[in-house]
Protein backbone atom coordinates (compact mmCIF):
# COMPACT_ATOMS: atom_id res chain seq x y z
CA MET A 1 -30.42 -41.17 -20.86
CA SER A 2 -33.60 -39.98 -19.29
CA ASP A 3 -34.37 -36.23 -18.96
CA ASN A 4 -34.17 -36.50 -15.18
CA LEU A 5 -30.68 -38.03 -15.30
CA LYS A 6 -29.54 -35.39 -17.81
CA PHE A 7 -30.78 -32.66 -15.50
CA LYS A 8 -28.81 -34.16 -12.57
CA VAL A 9 -25.64 -34.46 -14.61
CA SER A 10 -26.00 -30.81 -15.80
CA LYS A 11 -26.60 -29.61 -12.29
CA GLU A 12 -23.47 -31.51 -11.03
CA ASP A 13 -21.39 -30.12 -13.83
CA GLY A 14 -22.54 -26.59 -12.92
CA TYR A 15 -21.75 -27.21 -9.28
CA PHE A 16 -18.25 -28.46 -10.06
CA ALA A 17 -17.59 -25.55 -12.51
CA GLN A 18 -18.58 -23.13 -9.76
CA GLN A 19 -16.27 -24.80 -7.25
CA GLU A 20 -13.38 -24.59 -9.81
CA GLN A 21 -14.14 -20.86 -10.37
CA GLU A 22 -14.06 -20.16 -6.63
CA LYS A 23 -10.68 -22.03 -6.26
CA ILE A 24 -9.30 -20.06 -9.19
CA LYS A 25 -10.50 -16.79 -7.63
CA ASP A 26 -8.93 -17.71 -4.33
CA LEU A 27 -5.62 -18.63 -5.88
CA ARG A 28 -5.55 -15.33 -7.83
CA GLU A 29 -6.24 -13.41 -4.69
CA LYS A 30 -3.52 -15.29 -2.77
CA ALA A 31 -0.99 -14.78 -5.64
CA ALA A 32 -1.83 -10.99 -5.72
CA LYS A 33 -1.39 -10.74 -1.94
CA ASP A 34 1.86 -12.74 -2.08
CA ASN A 35 3.23 -10.51 -4.89
CA ASP A 36 2.25 -7.35 -3.05
CA GLN A 37 4.02 -8.53 0.09
CA LYS A 38 7.11 -9.58 -1.94
CA TYR A 39 7.24 -6.13 -3.59
CA ARG A 40 6.90 -4.44 -0.19
CA ASP A 41 9.73 -6.56 1.26
CA GLU A 42 12.02 -5.96 -1.68
CA HIS A 43 11.47 -2.20 -1.64
CA LYS A 44 11.45 -1.61 2.10
CA TYR A 45 13.41 1.56 2.97
CA HIS A 46 13.75 2.47 -0.75
CA CYS A 47 13.17 6.16 -1.57
CA PHE A 48 10.41 6.59 -4.07
CA ARG A 49 12.11 9.69 -5.51
CA CYS A 50 15.73 8.60 -6.02
CA GLY A 51 15.39 4.77 -5.74
CA THR A 52 18.11 4.27 -3.21
CA LYS A 53 17.71 2.24 -0.13
CA SER A 54 18.14 5.27 2.06
CA LEU A 55 14.93 5.94 4.09
CA VAL A 56 15.17 6.52 7.66
CA GLU A 57 12.07 6.69 9.88
CA ILE A 58 11.89 9.51 12.42
CA GLN A 59 9.11 10.30 14.90
CA LYS A 60 7.37 13.64 14.76
CA GLY A 61 4.89 13.68 17.66
CA THR A 62 2.63 10.68 17.02
CA VAL A 63 3.56 10.43 13.32
CA SER A 64 6.46 8.34 11.83
CA VAL A 65 7.91 10.23 8.85
CA ASP A 66 10.27 8.52 6.34
CA ILE A 67 13.10 10.79 5.26
CA CYS A 68 15.67 9.98 2.46
CA VAL A 69 19.17 10.48 3.83
CA ASN A 70 20.70 10.48 0.33
CA ASP A 71 22.60 13.84 0.08
CA LYS A 72 21.27 14.47 -3.42
CA CYS A 73 17.65 13.78 -2.58
CA GLY A 74 16.31 14.47 0.85
CA ALA A 75 12.65 13.43 -0.01
CA LEU A 76 10.06 13.25 2.78
CA HIS A 77 7.58 10.34 2.54
CA LEU A 78 4.35 10.29 4.34
CA ASP A 79 1.89 7.39 4.62
CA ALA A 80 -1.88 7.79 4.27
CA GLY A 81 -3.23 10.09 6.95
CA GLU A 82 0.15 11.22 8.20
CA LEU A 83 -0.13 14.70 6.67
CA ASP A 84 -3.48 15.24 8.42
CA ALA A 85 -2.04 14.13 11.63
CA LEU A 86 0.85 16.59 11.32
CA PHE A 87 -1.54 19.44 10.51
CA ALA A 88 -3.61 18.54 13.51
CA ASP A 89 -0.51 19.45 15.56
CA GLN A 90 -0.87 23.26 15.85
CA GLY A 91 2.79 23.69 16.72
CA PHE A 92 3.81 21.98 13.48
CA VAL A 93 1.45 24.14 11.41
CA LYS A 94 2.89 27.33 12.88
CA LYS A 95 6.52 26.19 12.22
CA ALA A 96 5.60 25.14 8.70
CA ARG A 97 3.83 28.44 7.90
CA LYS A 98 6.78 30.36 9.26
CA SER A 99 9.28 28.29 7.18
CA ILE A 100 7.14 28.71 4.06
CA PHE A 101 6.70 32.47 4.46
CA ASP A 102 10.36 32.96 5.35
CA VAL A 103 11.16 31.85 1.84
CA PHE A 104 9.26 34.81 0.32
CA LYS A 105 10.81 37.51 2.59
């Protein structure tokens, strides 16, 4: 085999190896995304604290807050940014401060 032909074969092998690596990467990303969605679907409305399927979504101003209605739990779940949005509401901040300070009276 001539050196020129060996170079072409080597170059082609490299190309196909790169194509296979990209396919594997894409398949792994798709599998991770599918697994994440499956997990979200299976655990929708599950309380992260007690594990029961007892979350109810309520609206507080512009924020949706998830509350566990399990009598023995009562956990409050906030998504990313929701706490900041609640604190931006001055009425909420005043009520929260009052309820916190009432505990210490």
